[in-house]
Protein backbone atom coordinates (compact mmCIF):
# COMPACT_ATOMS: atom_id res chain seq x y z
CA TYR A 1 -6.79 22.96 -0.55
CA PHE A 2 -3.97 20.50 -0.01
CA GLY A 3 -2.21 22.17 2.89
CA LYS A 4 -1.19 20.91 6.33
CA LEU A 5 -4.53 21.46 8.06
CA PHE A 6 -6.41 18.16 8.48
CA TRP A 7 -3.47 16.46 6.71
CA ALA A 8 -5.06 17.50 3.43
CA GLY A 9 -1.80 17.23 1.49
CA GLN A 10 -1.23 13.48 1.50
CA THR A 11 0.81 13.14 -1.71
CA TRP A 12 4.55 13.81 -1.50
CA ASP A 13 5.80 16.21 -4.17
CA SER A 14 8.76 13.92 -4.89
CA ARG A 15 6.39 11.11 -5.91
CA VAL A 16 4.08 13.09 -8.18
CA PRO A 17 6.32 13.00 -11.31
CA PHE A 18 6.50 9.19 -11.16
CA MET A 19 2.76 8.90 -10.62
CA LYS A 20 2.03 11.11 -13.60
CA LYS A 21 4.55 9.38 -15.84
CA THR A 22 3.14 5.93 -15.07
CA LEU A 23 -0.45 6.84 -15.88
CA CYS A 24 0.46 8.98 -18.92
CA GLU A 25 2.39 6.11 -20.47
CA GLU A 26 -0.51 3.74 -19.90
CA LEU A 27 -3.01 6.12 -21.45
CA ASP A 28 -0.74 6.71 -24.47
CA ASN A 29 -0.70 2.96 -25.09
CA PHE A 30 -4.43 2.46 -24.51
CA LYS A 31 -6.04 2.06 -27.94
CA GLU A 32 -9.42 0.58 -27.03
CA LEU A 33 -12.60 2.58 -27.66
CA ARG A 34 -14.11 1.87 -24.25
CA LYS A 35 -13.60 3.96 -21.11
CA TYR A 36 -10.31 3.70 -19.22
CA ARG A 37 -11.10 2.70 -15.63
CA ILE A 38 -9.01 3.79 -12.65
CA LEU A 39 -9.60 2.70 -9.06
CA GLU A 40 -8.13 4.62 -6.15
CA ILE A 41 -8.32 2.99 -2.72
CA GLY A 42 -7.82 5.67 -0.06
CA CYS A 43 -8.50 9.24 -1.13
CA TRP A 44 -8.54 11.50 1.98
CA ALA A 45 -8.86 15.10 0.69
CA GLY A 46 -8.44 14.08 -2.94
CA GLN A 47 -4.93 15.19 -3.85
CA SER A 48 -4.02 12.02 -5.73
CA SER A 49 -7.61 11.72 -7.01
CA VAL A 50 -7.22 15.10 -8.71
CA ILE A 51 -3.89 14.03 -10.21
CA TRP A 52 -5.39 10.92 -11.82
CA ALA A 53 -8.54 12.69 -13.00
CA LYS A 54 -6.67 15.66 -14.48
CA ILE A 55 -4.38 13.38 -16.48
CA LEU A 56 -7.38 11.42 -17.73
CA LYS A 57 -9.24 14.61 -18.65
CA GLU A 58 -6.26 16.17 -20.40
CA SER A 59 -5.58 12.96 -22.35
CA GLY A 60 -8.82 13.49 -24.26
CA LYS A 61 -9.82 9.88 -23.68
CA LYS A 62 -13.01 8.64 -22.11
CA GLY A 63 -12.66 7.25 -18.63
CA ARG A 64 -13.62 7.20 -14.97
CA VAL A 65 -11.77 7.43 -11.66
CA TYR A 66 -13.50 5.40 -8.95
CA CYS A 67 -12.56 6.93 -5.59
CA LEU A 68 -13.02 4.49 -2.71
CA ASP A 69 -12.68 5.60 0.92
CA PHE A 70 -14.79 5.40 4.06
CA TRP A 71 -13.86 8.94 5.20
CA ARG A 72 -14.17 8.18 8.88
CA SER A 73 -11.83 8.06 11.85
CA PHE A 74 -9.69 5.11 12.87
CA PRO A 75 -7.58 4.35 15.98
CA GLY A 76 -4.41 6.33 16.57
CA LEU A 77 -5.37 9.57 14.86
CA PRO A 78 -4.75 12.94 16.57
CA LYS A 79 -7.79 14.56 18.20
CA GLN A 80 -7.96 17.29 15.56
CA ILE A 81 -8.25 14.73 12.75
CA GLN A 82 -10.79 12.68 14.72
CA TRP A 83 -12.85 15.84 15.20
CA ALA A 84 -12.65 16.62 11.47
CA PHE A 85 -13.89 13.14 10.58
CA SER A 86 -16.70 13.31 13.17
CA HIS A 87 -17.96 16.47 11.44
CA ASP A 88 -17.44 15.01 7.94
CA ILE A 89 -15.03 17.84 7.16
CA ILE A 90 -12.48 15.78 5.25
CA PHE A 91 -15.12 14.25 2.98
CA LYS A 92 -16.56 17.72 2.33
CA LEU A 93 -13.04 18.94 1.56
CA PHE A 94 -12.64 16.07 -0.91
CA ILE A 95 -15.84 17.14 -2.68
CA TYR A 96 -14.70 20.78 -2.69
CA ASN A 97 -11.29 19.87 -4.12
CA ILE A 98 -12.50 17.73 -7.02
CA LYS A 99 -15.10 20.35 -7.96
CA THR A 100 -12.62 23.23 -7.72
CA ALA A 101 -10.15 21.27 -9.86
CA GLY A 102 -12.85 20.80 -12.47
CA VAL A 103 -12.67 17.00 -12.48
CA ASP A 104 -15.74 15.98 -10.49
CA ASP A 105 -17.45 14.84 -13.71
CA PHE A 106 -14.65 12.25 -14.18
CA ILE A 107 -15.00 10.81 -10.66
CA ASP A 108 -17.36 8.23 -9.13
CA ILE A 109 -17.40 8.23 -5.33
CA LEU A 110 -17.55 4.92 -3.46
CA ARG A 111 -17.93 5.56 0.26
CA GLY A 112 -17.25 2.59 2.50
CA ASN A 113 -14.67 0.02 3.54
CA SER A 114 -12.62 -1.38 0.67
CA ASN A 115 -13.19 -4.89 2.04
CA ASP A 116 -16.87 -4.53 1.17
CA PHE A 117 -16.56 -3.24 -2.40
CA SER A 118 -14.49 -5.82 -4.25
CA SER A 119 -17.59 -7.93 -4.98
CA VAL A 120 -19.28 -4.97 -6.70
CA PHE A 121 -17.04 -5.14 -9.78
CA LYS A 122 -16.43 -7.94 -12.21
CA LYS A 123 -13.09 -9.58 -12.93
CA ASP A 124 -10.71 -7.60 -15.18
CA PHE A 125 -12.84 -4.46 -14.82
CA PHE A 126 -10.07 -1.97 -14.03
CA ASP A 127 -7.08 -0.83 -16.08
CA PHE A 128 -5.22 0.96 -13.28
CA ILE A 129 -5.50 0.41 -9.51
CA TYR A 130 -3.82 2.65 -6.92
CA ILE A 131 -3.68 1.37 -3.31
CA ASP A 132 -3.30 3.99 -0.58
CA GLY A 133 -5.81 2.96 2.08
CA GLY A 134 -5.04 1.47 5.50
CA HIS A 135 -1.30 0.96 5.88
CA ASP A 136 -1.21 -1.93 8.37
CA PHE A 137 -0.22 -5.31 6.95
CA SER A 138 -3.71 -6.79 7.21
CA GLN A 139 -5.40 -4.01 5.24
CA VAL A 140 -2.76 -3.68 2.51
CA SER A 141 -2.79 -7.46 2.10
CA SER A 142 -6.59 -7.51 1.80
CA ASP A 143 -6.57 -4.72 -0.77
CA ILE A 144 -3.97 -6.49 -2.92
CA GLN A 145 -5.71 -9.86 -2.71
CA ASN A 146 -9.23 -8.49 -3.21
CA TYR A 147 -8.55 -6.14 -6.08
CA LEU A 148 -5.78 -7.75 -8.12
CA PRO A 149 -8.35 -10.12 -9.73
CA LEU A 150 -10.32 -7.03 -10.80
CA LEU A 151 -7.35 -5.69 -12.77
CA ARG A 152 -7.11 -6.71 -16.41
CA SER A 153 -4.04 -8.48 -17.73
CA GLY A 154 -1.52 -5.81 -18.72
CA GLY A 155 -3.02 -3.29 -16.29
CA ILE A 156 -1.09 -1.42 -13.62
CA LEU A 157 -1.26 -2.10 -9.89
CA CYS A 158 0.42 0.64 -7.91
CA GLY A 159 0.43 2.30 -4.52
CA ASP A 160 1.97 4.72 -2.09
CA ASP A 161 4.36 4.63 0.86
CA LEU A 162 6.74 1.83 -0.09
CA GLU A 163 9.85 3.59 1.13
CA LEU A 164 11.78 0.33 1.52
CA GLN A 165 11.17 -3.10 0.02
CA LEU A 166 11.15 -6.30 2.03
CA HIS A 167 14.62 -7.47 1.02
CA GLU A 168 16.04 -4.13 2.19
CA VAL A 169 14.75 -4.16 5.79
CA CYS A 170 15.15 -6.17 8.95
CA GLU A 171 12.15 -8.45 8.49
CA ASP A 172 11.85 -9.42 12.18
CA VAL A 173 11.38 -5.78 13.15
CA ALA A 174 8.85 -5.27 10.36
CA LEU A 175 6.85 -8.28 11.53
CA LYS A 176 6.75 -7.01 15.12
CA ASN A 177 5.26 -3.75 13.83
CA SER A 178 3.03 -5.17 11.11
CA ASN A 179 -0.19 -4.00 12.77
CA ILE A 180 0.66 -0.28 12.86
CA TRP A 181 -0.05 2.23 10.09
CA THR A 182 2.61 4.79 10.96
CA MET A 183 6.30 4.81 9.98
CA ILE A 184 9.10 3.17 11.96
CA TYR A 185 12.88 3.24 11.65
CA ASP A 186 14.60 0.23 10.16
CA PRO A 187 17.76 -0.73 12.12
CA LYS A 188 19.33 -2.20 9.00
CA THR A 189 19.15 0.95 6.87
CA SER A 190 18.43 3.65 9.50
CA LYS A 191 15.59 4.84 7.26
CA ALA A 192 11.91 5.43 8.04
CA TYR A 193 9.30 3.28 6.30
CA HIS A 194 5.80 1.82 6.60
CA PRO A 195 6.23 -1.81 7.74
CA GLY A 196 2.72 -2.93 6.78
CA VAL A 197 3.13 -1.75 3.20
CA THR A 198 6.61 -3.26 2.90
CA LEU A 199 5.49 -6.64 4.24
CA ALA A 200 2.31 -6.90 2.16
CA VAL A 201 3.89 -5.85 -1.12
CA GLY A 202 6.88 -8.10 -0.51
CA LYS A 203 4.78 -11.13 0.40
CA TYR A 204 2.17 -10.92 -2.36
CA LEU A 205 4.00 -9.17 -5.21
CA GLY A 206 7.72 -9.57 -4.53
CA VAL A 207 10.13 -6.93 -5.78
CA VAL A 208 8.30 -4.13 -7.60
CA LEU A 209 9.33 -0.96 -9.39
CA SER A 210 9.56 1.75 -6.75
CA GLN A 211 10.50 5.43 -7.02
CA ASN A 212 10.54 7.67 -3.94
CA GLY A 213 7.88 5.54 -2.29
CA PHE A 214 5.51 5.23 -5.26
CA TRP A 215 5.45 1.60 -6.40
CA HIS A 216 3.96 -0.05 -9.46
CA ILE A 217 3.84 -3.36 -11.27
CA LYS A 218 2.21 -4.57 -14.51
CA LYS A 219 -0.14 -7.51 -14.17
């Protein structure tokens, strides 16, 4: 179930083709005999998790998708979503979705804060890292800084919700709203975007390839 209830459908349809194309191309070029390792930071009900795992499964190659999320409430959420987290409903929905999709045997679940898990893995461990956790500047920055060293050279770092890049927006307005996770309107472009994502990606990675909000860069 990836419908509107409990915000289960987190992945925009317009971004899915670019997500699939990016991973498919990487898998086509992966010639090593070992397992292909994907890390997803921020999973919610598992919509993007299922996308990654299905592609990996259908590729016929060995691999794992490590799904990292704390599946608990955070400030600013509507009461309905807070209630769902308090009853562990969204985590249970994640489990239901990956099992129903037939990809649970390709997924390892890591439940906790992403800030606490980067020390678990060795340098260059992952081939593909997708960042879609907390969207405030502090959290996106931490995820980029903590996990980029865990990505092998030539691997893909990507993420969600980069509607506008730093050079496209009014930076002063973005900075004033850097601590929020929701979207704001940019006075320069009159478009909605996530300021925390824009600032963190711009500061630590510069200009990246971005298509309908899905961004990616090769290390």
